[in-house]
Amino acid sequence: MSHPYQYAVLRFVPRVDRGECLNVGVVVHSQSAGVLRCAFHLDEPRIVAFAPDADLDGLRRSLEAVGTMCDRPPADVGGTLSTPGKRFGWITAPRSTVLQPGPVHGGCVLDPAAEVDRLLDRLVK
């Protein structure tokens, strides 16, 4: 059975005022399949060439926080982000930080959980 899904690319934006970015991750949500997953890949030499003063540890922590949000809502948000759909909406909301979501796109696939790895290979690596 094919499942509809949505995804967004996670982008490293070292200088928000310039708007230049590198794709560093993806997040996938499929309500019908019960999937909310993210994956990331940091090509450190490429990132440092792009932004020599990049805080790689900070970027990694931000991406790991997105992964945590996909897995479970933090206890301090109560029911506000209790469903995967609400958490996907929060993750993909526009923001002016060094880690920004790209536009949300959609499609249909047999295995939305595996789609995150395919998208990571295609759009990030």
C-alpha atoms as a PDB file:
ATOM      1  CA  MET A   1       0.000   0.000   0.000  1.00  0.00           C
ATOM      2  CA  SER A   2       1.321   3.420  -0.932  1.00  0.00           C
ATOM      3  CA  HIS A   3       1.473   6.044   1.825  1.00  0.00           C
ATOM      4  CA  PRO A   4       1.357   9.808   1.352  1.00  0.00           C
ATOM      5  CA  TYR A   5       4.223  11.595   3.059  1.00  0.00           C
ATOM      6  CA  GLN A   6       5.776  15.017   3.454  1.00  0.00           C
ATOM      7  CA  TYR A   7       9.415  15.932   3.782  1.00  0.00           C
ATOM      8  CA  ALA A   8      11.669  18.915   4.245  1.00  0.00           C
ATOM      9  CA  VAL A   9      15.390  19.349   3.793  1.00  0.00           C
ATOM     10  CA  LEU A  10      17.271  20.696   6.812  1.00  0.00           C
ATOM     11  CA  ARG A  11      19.747  23.398   5.798  1.00  0.00           C
ATOM     12  CA  PHE A  12      22.843  24.828   7.437  1.00  0.00           C
ATOM     13  CA  VAL A  13      22.756  28.619   7.045  1.00  0.00           C
ATOM     14  CA  PRO A  14      25.950  30.030   8.593  1.00  0.00           C
ATOM     15  CA  ARG A  15      25.008  33.650   7.920  1.00  0.00           C
ATOM     16  CA  VAL A  16      21.280  34.248   7.935  1.00  0.00           C
ATOM     17  CA  ASP A  17      21.768  37.689   6.360  1.00  0.00           C
ATOM     18  CA  ARG A  18      23.361  36.111   3.252  1.00  0.00           C
ATOM     19  CA  GLY A  19      20.861  33.275   2.871  1.00  0.00           C
ATOM     20  CA  GLU A  20      23.463  30.806   1.562  1.00  0.00           C
ATOM     21  CA  CYS A  21      22.961  27.241   2.693  1.00  0.00           C
ATOM     22  CA  LEU A  22      24.124  23.637   2.586  1.00  0.00           C
ATOM     23  CA  ASN A  23      21.750  20.686   2.889  1.00  0.00           C
ATOM     24  CA  VAL A  24      22.610  18.682   6.008  1.00  0.00           C
ATOM     25  CA  GLY A  25      19.530  16.579   6.755  1.00  0.00           C
ATOM     26  CA  VAL A  26      15.970  15.578   5.959  1.00  0.00           C
ATOM     27  CA  VAL A  27      12.818  14.994   7.969  1.00  0.00           C
ATOM     28  CA  VAL A  28       9.948  12.776   6.742  1.00  0.00           C
ATOM     29  CA  HIS A  29       6.404  12.524   8.081  1.00  0.00           C
ATOM     30  CA  SER A  30       3.656  10.120   7.031  1.00  0.00           C
ATOM     31  CA  GLN A  31       0.523  10.186   9.128  1.00  0.00           C
ATOM     32  CA  SER A  32      -0.957   7.050   7.531  1.00  0.00           C
ATOM     33  CA  ALA A  33       2.221   5.036   8.164  1.00  0.00           C
ATOM     34  CA  GLY A  34       2.862   6.529  11.619  1.00  0.00           C
ATOM     35  CA  VAL A  35       6.323   7.763  10.599  1.00  0.00           C
ATOM     36  CA  LEU A  36       8.254  10.813  11.728  1.00  0.00           C
ATOM     37  CA  ARG A  37      11.966  10.354  11.070  1.00  0.00           C
ATOM     38  CA  CYS A  38      14.957  12.494  10.404  1.00  0.00           C
ATOM     39  CA  ALA A  39      18.479  11.745   9.273  1.00  0.00           C
ATOM     40  CA  PHE A  40      21.484  13.957   8.787  1.00  0.00           C
ATOM     41  CA  HIS A  41      24.983  13.842   7.371  1.00  0.00           C
ATOM     42  CA  LEU A  42      27.696  16.372   8.155  1.00  0.00           C
ATOM     43  CA  ASP A  43      30.360  16.543   5.459  1.00  0.00           C
ATOM     44  CA  GLU A  44      32.750  18.404   7.749  1.00  0.00           C
ATOM     45  CA  PRO A  45      35.385  19.346   5.137  1.00  0.00           C
ATOM     46  CA  ARG A  46      32.660  20.764   2.891  1.00  0.00           C
ATOM     47  CA  ILE A  47      31.041  22.674   5.758  1.00  0.00           C
ATOM     48  CA  VAL A  48      34.371  24.147   6.885  1.00  0.00           C
ATOM     49  CA  ALA A  49      35.207  25.149   3.295  1.00  0.00           C
ATOM     50  CA  PHE A  50      31.798  26.833   3.070  1.00  0.00           C
ATOM     51  CA  ALA A  51      31.940  28.451   6.517  1.00  0.00           C
ATOM     52  CA  PRO A  52      35.413  28.311   8.118  1.00  0.00           C
ATOM     53  CA  ASP A  53      34.111  29.467  11.500  1.00  0.00           C
ATOM     54  CA  ALA A  54      31.201  26.987  11.594  1.00  0.00           C
ATOM     55  CA  ASP A  55      30.318  25.575  14.996  1.00  0.00           C
ATOM     56  CA  LEU A  56      30.171  21.906  13.981  1.00  0.00           C
ATOM     57  CA  ASP A  57      29.383  20.719  17.509  1.00  0.00           C
ATOM     58  CA  GLY A  58      26.523  23.195  17.796  1.00  0.00           C
ATOM     59  CA  LEU A  59      25.166  22.189  14.401  1.00  0.00           C
ATOM     60  CA  ARG A  60      25.364  18.511  15.354  1.00  0.00           C
ATOM     61  CA  ARG A  61      23.533  19.194  18.635  1.00  0.00           C
ATOM     62  CA  SER A  62      20.799  21.073  16.760  1.00  0.00           C
ATOM     63  CA  LEU A  63      20.338  18.178  14.350  1.00  0.00           C
ATOM     64  CA  GLU A  64      20.285  15.688  17.215  1.00  0.00           C
ATOM     65  CA  ALA A  65      17.594  17.811  18.891  1.00  0.00           C
ATOM     66  CA  VAL A  66      15.484  17.476  15.741  1.00  0.00           C
ATOM     67  CA  GLY A  67      15.971  13.708  15.957  1.00  0.00           C
ATOM     68  CA  THR A  68      14.856  13.747  19.576  1.00  0.00           C
ATOM     69  CA  MET A  69      11.781  15.781  18.619  1.00  0.00           C
ATOM     70  CA  CYS A  70      10.939  13.192  15.966  1.00  0.00           C
ATOM     71  CA  ASP A  71      11.235  10.330  18.462  1.00  0.00           C
ATOM     72  CA  ARG A  72       9.268  11.873  21.319  1.00  0.00           C
ATOM     73  CA  PRO A  73       8.097  15.267  22.531  1.00  0.00           C
ATOM     74  CA  PRO A  74      10.039  16.852  25.375  1.00  0.00           C
ATOM     75  CA  ALA A  75       8.251  16.462  28.713  1.00  0.00           C
ATOM     76  CA  ASP A  76       8.029  20.220  29.247  1.00  0.00           C
ATOM     77  CA  VAL A  77       5.793  20.869  26.207  1.00  0.00           C
ATOM     78  CA  GLY A  78       2.926  18.766  27.511  1.00  0.00           C
ATOM     79  CA  GLY A  79       0.290  18.032  24.898  1.00  0.00           C
ATOM     80  CA  THR A  80       1.287  20.916  22.629  1.00  0.00           C
ATOM     81  CA  LEU A  81       3.534  18.738  20.464  1.00  0.00           C
ATOM     82  CA  SER A  82       2.045  15.371  21.394  1.00  0.00           C
ATOM     83  CA  THR A  83       1.424  14.055  17.867  1.00  0.00           C
ATOM     84  CA  PRO A  84       3.976  13.383  15.114  1.00  0.00           C
ATOM     85  CA  GLY A  85       2.087  15.775  12.823  1.00  0.00           C
ATOM     86  CA  LYS A  86       2.347  18.623  15.322  1.00  0.00           C
ATOM     87  CA  ARG A  87       6.049  17.933  15.818  1.00  0.00           C
ATOM     88  CA  PHE A  88       6.614  17.876  12.030  1.00  0.00           C
ATOM     89  CA  GLY A  89       4.855  21.253  11.820  1.00  0.00           C
ATOM     90  CA  TRP A  90       7.088  22.647  14.559  1.00  0.00           C
ATOM     91  CA  ILE A  91      10.258  21.261  12.922  1.00  0.00           C
ATOM     92  CA  THR A  92       9.336  22.690   9.512  1.00  0.00           C
ATOM     93  CA  ALA A  93       8.203  26.119  10.752  1.00  0.00           C
ATOM     94  CA  PRO A  94      10.293  28.943   9.256  1.00  0.00           C
ATOM     95  CA  ARG A  95      13.034  30.283  11.515  1.00  0.00           C
ATOM     96  CA  SER A  96      16.084  32.524  11.339  1.00  0.00           C
ATOM     97  CA  THR A  97      18.750  30.275  12.823  1.00  0.00           C
ATOM     98  CA  VAL A  98      21.776  28.408  11.482  1.00  0.00           C
ATOM     99  CA  LEU A  99      19.603  25.291  11.029  1.00  0.00           C
ATOM    100  CA  GLN A 100      16.561  26.006   8.884  1.00  0.00           C
ATOM    101  CA  PRO A 101      13.949  23.819   7.211  1.00  0.00           C
ATOM    102  CA  GLY A 102      13.440  24.123   3.491  1.00  0.00           C
ATOM    103  CA  PRO A 103       9.987  24.062   1.890  1.00  0.00           C
ATOM    104  CA  VAL A 104       7.731  21.096   2.597  1.00  0.00           C
ATOM    105  CA  HIS A 105       7.281  18.702  -0.321  1.00  0.00           C
ATOM    106  CA  GLY A 106       5.146  15.601  -0.622  1.00  0.00           C
ATOM    107  CA  GLY A 107       4.702  12.336  -2.399  1.00  0.00           C
ATOM    108  CA  CYS A 108       3.565   8.734  -2.028  1.00  0.00           C
ATOM    109  CA  VAL A 109       5.791   5.731  -1.304  1.00  0.00           C
ATOM    110  CA  LEU A 110       5.448   2.162  -0.103  1.00  0.00           C
ATOM    111  CA  ASP A 111       7.855   2.635   2.816  1.00  0.00           C
ATOM    112  CA  PRO A 112       8.013   6.185   4.245  1.00  0.00           C
ATOM    113  CA  ALA A 113      10.443   5.085   6.974  1.00  0.00           C
ATOM    114  CA  ALA A 114      12.955   4.045   4.291  1.00  0.00           C
ATOM    115  CA  GLU A 115      12.302   7.203   2.274  1.00  0.00           C
ATOM    116  CA  VAL A 116      14.311   9.289   4.730  1.00  0.00           C
ATOM    117  CA  ASP A 117      17.472   7.364   3.799  1.00  0.00           C
ATOM    118  CA  ARG A 118      16.776   7.648   0.071  1.00  0.00           C
ATOM    119  CA  LEU A 119      16.202  11.393   0.381  1.00  0.00           C
ATOM    120  CA  LEU A 120      19.323  11.812   2.506  1.00  0.00           C
ATOM    121  CA  ASP A 121      21.407  10.088  -0.184  1.00  0.00           C
ATOM    122  CA  ARG A 122      19.804  12.091  -2.987  1.00  0.00           C
ATOM    123  CA  LEU A 123      19.548  15.559  -1.429  1.00  0.00           C
ATOM    124  CA  VAL A 124      22.327  15.733   1.153  1.00  0.00           C
ATOM    125  CA  LYS A 125      25.168  13.296   0.496  1.00  0.00           C
END
